[in-house]
């Protein structure tokens, strides 16, 4: 393996265990990356500003160099506090997307830096706002029809998300890209956007070599970054992620990140 310059990890199902915490063993491994002058970052579908607050709770704030949010839509350099945007979705496609999926039972939401905006208040919206420590705003999303947004998410139960995913793959969608990020979330993005594209732009701006990036993930929104870089699939990963990963490690409940780093990097 080449000398690693940056380690990037997904959050849910990867960095966090099923109790929503970073284990002491994983914290210690991340800390050791600093000692070897290897950068550490998070690549997530969440807003960077929400993650910036959460990493304090997870006790890893001193060790996080970059937070790439919205599945590659932007990144926050924690060392300079500079935010850079990559690929945005035109808000005029919000009603187009909603109409294309109107037969399904879902809630829809959009993050901004300070709040979580939704079509309606339900248990999905309340839980996600709480999880990201953001206030919930019920506004029907209409204020965003004439803005550029990082992404829109659909929230529904597992069975409905599966139906939405299947429908997405059977319709024409040249102006947006859809990806299932968790069993209960389906996201709509700029068609050019992926975590991989976001990493590529970030590497250009931070003067990092793209073939020296180590990535960890478990879900389909991690697919491109696992495929295009030195990818590690968690034991709990979607089978499609395992198929294209160069390496696999133990699960998110078994210190998967720490186990791999200790065996190969530290």
Protein backbone atom coordinates (compact mmCIF):
# COMPACT_ATOMS: atom_id res chain seq x y z
CA UNK A 1 0.00 0.00 0.00
CA UNK A 2 1.22 3.50 -0.85
CA UNK A 3 2.01 6.03 1.87
CA UNK A 4 -1.39 7.34 2.97
CA UNK A 5 -1.89 11.12 3.11
CA UNK A 6 -5.55 11.23 4.16
CA UNK A 7 -7.97 8.79 5.81
CA UNK A 8 -11.66 9.51 5.10
CA UNK A 9 -14.48 7.70 6.87
CA UNK A 10 -18.24 7.56 6.54
CA UNK A 11 -20.20 8.13 9.77
CA UNK A 12 -23.21 5.86 10.25
CA UNK A 13 -22.34 2.18 10.13
CA UNK A 14 -18.64 3.00 9.79
CA UNK A 15 -17.17 5.50 12.27
CA UNK A 16 -20.02 5.09 14.76
CA UNK A 17 -21.08 1.84 16.38
CA UNK A 18 -24.76 0.98 16.64
CA UNK A 19 -24.98 2.96 19.88
CA UNK A 20 -24.03 6.09 17.93
CA UNK A 21 -20.60 6.53 19.49
CA UNK A 22 -16.92 6.30 18.51
CA UNK A 23 -15.23 3.60 20.57
CA UNK A 24 -12.13 4.38 22.68
CA UNK A 25 -10.07 2.02 20.50
CA UNK A 26 -11.08 3.90 17.35
CA UNK A 27 -10.38 7.27 18.98
CA UNK A 28 -6.90 6.08 19.91
CA UNK A 29 -6.21 4.87 16.35
CA UNK A 30 -7.35 8.22 14.90
CA UNK A 31 -5.12 10.02 17.39
CA UNK A 32 -2.13 7.94 16.24
CA UNK A 33 -2.69 9.13 12.65
CA UNK A 34 -1.75 12.62 13.86
CA UNK A 35 1.51 11.26 15.23
CA UNK A 36 2.31 9.91 11.75
CA UNK A 37 1.27 13.23 10.13
CA UNK A 38 -1.60 11.56 8.26
CA UNK A 39 -4.70 13.71 7.84
CA UNK A 40 -8.06 12.41 9.07
CA UNK A 41 -11.46 13.41 7.75
CA UNK A 42 -15.12 12.53 7.61
CA UNK A 43 -17.07 11.98 4.38
CA UNK A 44 -20.80 12.09 5.04
CA UNK A 45 -24.19 12.97 3.69
CA UNK A 46 -24.77 15.25 6.66
CA UNK A 47 -24.12 18.99 6.80
CA UNK A 48 -20.54 19.83 7.84
CA UNK A 49 -21.78 22.31 10.44
CA UNK A 50 -23.82 19.62 12.20
CA UNK A 51 -20.84 17.25 12.15
CA UNK A 52 -18.59 20.01 13.48
CA UNK A 53 -20.68 20.04 16.66
CA UNK A 54 -21.05 16.26 16.84
CA UNK A 55 -17.32 15.51 16.74
CA UNK A 56 -17.05 17.22 20.12
CA UNK A 57 -19.57 14.74 21.52
CA UNK A 58 -17.65 11.89 19.90
CA UNK A 59 -14.37 13.17 21.45
CA UNK A 60 -12.49 13.34 18.15
CA UNK A 61 -12.60 17.08 17.42
CA UNK A 62 -8.82 17.66 17.88
CA UNK A 63 -8.04 14.97 15.31
CA UNK A 64 -10.44 15.89 12.47
CA UNK A 65 -8.78 17.88 9.66
CA UNK A 66 -11.61 17.98 7.10
CA UNK A 67 -15.35 17.34 7.03
CA UNK A 68 -16.76 16.59 3.59
CA UNK A 69 -20.54 16.96 3.74
CA UNK A 70 -23.61 16.44 1.59
CA UNK A 71 -22.01 13.39 -0.07
CA UNK A 72 -19.27 15.50 -1.65
CA UNK A 73 -21.26 18.70 -2.12
CA UNK A 74 -18.89 20.73 0.04
CA UNK A 75 -16.12 20.39 2.59
CA UNK A 76 -14.99 22.26 5.68
CA UNK A 77 -11.26 22.56 6.34
CA UNK A 78 -11.16 22.39 10.14
CA UNK A 79 -7.66 23.84 10.22
CA UNK A 80 -8.67 27.09 8.51
CA UNK A 81 -12.48 26.94 9.00
CA UNK A 82 -12.82 27.55 5.25
CA UNK A 83 -15.89 26.09 3.53
CA UNK A 84 -15.69 25.10 -0.14
CA UNK A 85 -18.70 24.09 -2.26
CA UNK A 86 -18.44 21.59 -5.09
CA UNK A 87 -21.60 20.59 -6.99
CA UNK A 88 -25.03 22.02 -6.14
CA UNK A 89 -28.54 21.00 -7.20
CA UNK A 90 -30.79 23.64 -8.77
CA UNK A 91 -33.82 24.14 -6.53
CA UNK A 92 -36.12 24.38 -9.54
CA UNK A 93 -35.93 20.57 -9.70
CA UNK A 94 -37.41 20.14 -6.20
CA UNK A 95 -41.05 20.17 -7.42
CA UNK A 96 -40.05 18.03 -10.41
CA UNK A 97 -38.63 15.37 -8.09
CA UNK A 98 -41.58 15.55 -5.69
CA UNK A 99 -44.02 15.06 -8.56
CA UNK A 100 -42.03 12.14 -9.98
CA UNK A 101 -42.38 10.28 -6.67
CA UNK A 102 -45.81 11.51 -5.55
CA UNK A 103 -47.27 7.99 -5.48
CA UNK A 104 -45.05 7.08 -2.53
CA UNK A 105 -45.42 7.80 1.19
CA UNK A 106 -42.42 9.88 2.30
CA UNK A 107 -41.31 13.10 3.93
CA UNK A 108 -38.71 15.32 2.24
CA UNK A 109 -36.09 17.57 3.76
CA UNK A 110 -33.30 20.03 2.96
CA UNK A 111 -30.42 21.06 5.22
CA UNK A 112 -28.96 24.51 5.42
CA UNK A 113 -26.15 25.58 7.73
CA UNK A 114 -28.45 26.30 10.66
CA UNK A 115 -31.63 24.19 10.34
CA UNK A 116 -33.45 21.24 8.75
CA UNK A 117 -36.39 22.18 6.49
CA UNK A 118 -39.13 19.64 5.74
CA UNK A 119 -42.45 19.13 3.98
CA UNK A 120 -44.16 18.09 7.20
CA UNK A 121 -43.40 17.21 10.80
CA UNK A 122 -43.22 13.48 11.45
CA UNK A 123 -41.09 11.09 13.50
CA UNK A 124 -38.49 10.83 10.71
CA UNK A 125 -37.99 14.61 10.55
CA UNK A 126 -37.91 14.98 14.33
CA UNK A 127 -35.35 12.19 14.74
CA UNK A 128 -33.02 13.45 11.98
CA UNK A 129 -33.14 17.04 13.27
CA UNK A 130 -32.32 15.75 16.76
CA UNK A 131 -29.55 13.49 15.45
CA UNK A 132 -27.90 16.43 13.69
CA UNK A 133 -28.62 18.88 16.52
CA UNK A 134 -30.50 21.21 14.16
CA UNK A 135 -33.83 23.02 14.66
CA UNK A 136 -36.72 21.69 12.57
CA UNK A 137 -38.50 24.08 10.17
CA UNK A 138 -41.75 23.01 8.46
CA UNK A 139 -42.03 25.18 5.34
CA UNK A 140 -42.96 22.82 2.50
CA UNK A 141 -39.50 23.41 0.96
CA UNK A 142 -40.90 26.14 -1.31
CA UNK A 143 -38.31 28.74 -0.14
CA UNK A 144 -35.68 26.61 -1.90
CA UNK A 145 -37.34 26.42 -5.32
CA UNK A 146 -35.23 29.37 -6.50
CA UNK A 147 -31.98 28.52 -4.70
CA UNK A 148 -29.03 26.20 -5.15
CA UNK A 149 -29.03 23.35 -2.63
CA UNK A 150 -26.57 20.64 -1.65
CA UNK A 151 -29.21 17.89 -1.64
CA UNK A 152 -32.79 16.91 -0.86
CA UNK A 153 -33.55 13.77 1.14
CA UNK A 154 -36.59 11.50 1.25
CA UNK A 155 -37.37 9.88 4.61
CA UNK A 156 -39.58 6.79 4.84
CA UNK A 157 -39.71 3.30 6.27
CA UNK A 158 -37.43 0.64 4.78
CA UNK A 159 -40.05 -0.90 2.51
CA UNK A 160 -41.06 2.46 1.03
CA UNK A 161 -37.43 3.51 0.47
CA UNK A 162 -36.89 0.27 -1.45
CA UNK A 163 -39.88 1.12 -3.67
CA UNK A 164 -38.56 4.66 -4.18
CA UNK A 165 -35.13 3.30 -5.12
CA UNK A 166 -36.63 0.86 -7.61
CA UNK A 167 -38.81 3.59 -9.13
CA UNK A 168 -35.79 5.90 -9.45
CA UNK A 169 -33.95 3.32 -11.55
CA UNK A 170 -36.91 3.02 -13.93
CA UNK A 171 -37.48 6.70 -14.72
CA UNK A 172 -35.60 9.32 -16.74
CA UNK A 173 -33.64 11.68 -14.46
CA UNK A 174 -31.01 13.67 -16.40
CA UNK A 175 -31.10 16.67 -14.04
CA UNK A 176 -30.55 14.94 -10.72
CA UNK A 177 -28.92 11.86 -9.21
CA UNK A 178 -30.45 9.66 -6.55
CA UNK A 179 -28.73 7.39 -4.03
CA UNK A 180 -29.87 5.42 -1.00
CA UNK A 181 -27.70 6.48 1.94
CA UNK A 182 -29.34 4.49 4.76
CA UNK A 183 -32.22 1.98 4.94
CA UNK A 184 -34.62 4.88 5.62
CA UNK A 185 -33.07 7.69 3.52
CA UNK A 186 -32.90 8.33 -0.23
CA UNK A 187 -31.01 11.42 -1.42
CA UNK A 188 -31.20 13.61 -4.53
CA UNK A 189 -28.06 15.41 -5.69
CA UNK A 190 -26.46 17.22 -8.61
CA UNK A 191 -26.02 14.53 -11.31
CA UNK A 192 -22.25 15.14 -11.31
CA UNK A 193 -21.94 14.70 -7.57
CA UNK A 194 -20.58 11.83 -5.50
CA UNK A 195 -18.28 11.51 -2.52
CA UNK A 196 -15.59 10.52 -5.02
CA UNK A 197 -16.00 13.75 -7.02
CA UNK A 198 -15.92 15.77 -3.82
CA UNK A 199 -12.71 14.05 -2.74
CA UNK A 200 -11.13 14.77 -6.13
CA UNK A 201 -11.88 18.49 -5.86
CA UNK A 202 -10.76 18.58 -2.24
CA UNK A 203 -7.45 16.89 -3.11
CA UNK A 204 -6.80 19.48 -5.82
CA UNK A 205 -7.37 22.36 -3.41
CA UNK A 206 -5.44 20.81 -0.51
CA UNK A 207 -2.58 19.57 -2.70
CA UNK A 208 -3.09 15.89 -1.86
CA UNK A 209 -2.34 12.94 -4.12
CA UNK A 210 -5.54 11.13 -5.14
CA UNK A 211 -3.83 7.74 -5.10
CA UNK A 212 -2.87 8.17 -1.42
CA UNK A 213 -6.41 8.44 -0.03
CA UNK A 214 -7.77 5.66 2.21
CA UNK A 215 -11.57 5.46 2.49
CA UNK A 216 -13.91 3.51 4.77
CA UNK A 217 -17.63 2.98 4.11
CA UNK A 218 -20.63 0.70 4.28
CA UNK A 219 -23.52 2.05 2.19
CA UNK A 220 -24.28 2.77 -1.46
CA UNK A 221 -23.55 6.50 -1.13
CA UNK A 222 -19.97 5.39 -0.35
CA UNK A 223 -19.75 3.33 -3.56
CA UNK A 224 -17.70 5.71 -5.73
CA UNK A 225 -15.22 6.68 -3.02
CA UNK A 226 -14.62 3.03 -2.12
CA UNK A 227 -14.20 2.15 -5.80
CA UNK A 228 -12.04 5.10 -6.86
CA UNK A 229 -9.62 5.29 -3.92
CA UNK A 230 -8.04 2.76 -1.57
CA UNK A 231 -11.37 1.47 -0.34
CA UNK A 232 -12.13 -0.49 2.81
CA UNK A 233 -15.56 -2.06 3.32
CA UNK A 234 -16.89 -2.67 6.81
CA UNK A 235 -18.04 -6.22 7.61
CA UNK A 236 -21.57 -4.80 7.95
CA UNK A 237 -21.39 -3.12 4.51
CA UNK A 238 -23.85 -3.51 1.67
CA UNK A 239 -22.71 -6.49 -0.47
CA UNK A 240 -22.20 -4.16 -3.45
CA UNK A 241 -19.66 -2.18 -1.40
CA UNK A 242 -17.80 -5.34 -0.42
CA UNK A 243 -17.66 -6.40 -4.06
CA UNK A 244 -15.69 -3.34 -5.17
CA UNK A 245 -13.57 -2.64 -2.07
CA UNK A 246 -9.86 -3.44 -2.16
CA UNK A 247 -9.99 -4.43 1.51
CA UNK A 248 -12.51 -5.45 4.15
CA UNK A 249 -12.36 -5.03 7.91
CA UNK A 250 -14.43 -5.96 10.94
CA UNK A 251 -17.80 -4.33 11.59
CA UNK A 252 -18.57 -0.91 13.04
CA UNK A 253 -19.36 -2.69 16.32
CA UNK A 254 -15.96 -4.41 16.30
CA UNK A 255 -13.68 -1.36 15.91
CA UNK A 256 -13.39 -1.94 12.16
CA UNK A 257 -11.54 1.30 11.42
CA UNK A 258 -9.09 0.83 14.29
CA UNK A 259 -8.45 -2.82 13.41
CA UNK A 260 -7.54 -1.94 9.82
CA UNK A 261 -5.41 1.07 10.73
CA UNK A 262 -3.47 -0.91 13.33
CA UNK A 263 -2.84 -3.76 10.89
CA UNK A 264 -1.89 -1.73 7.82
CA UNK A 265 -1.07 1.92 8.64
CA UNK A 266 0.03 2.52 12.23
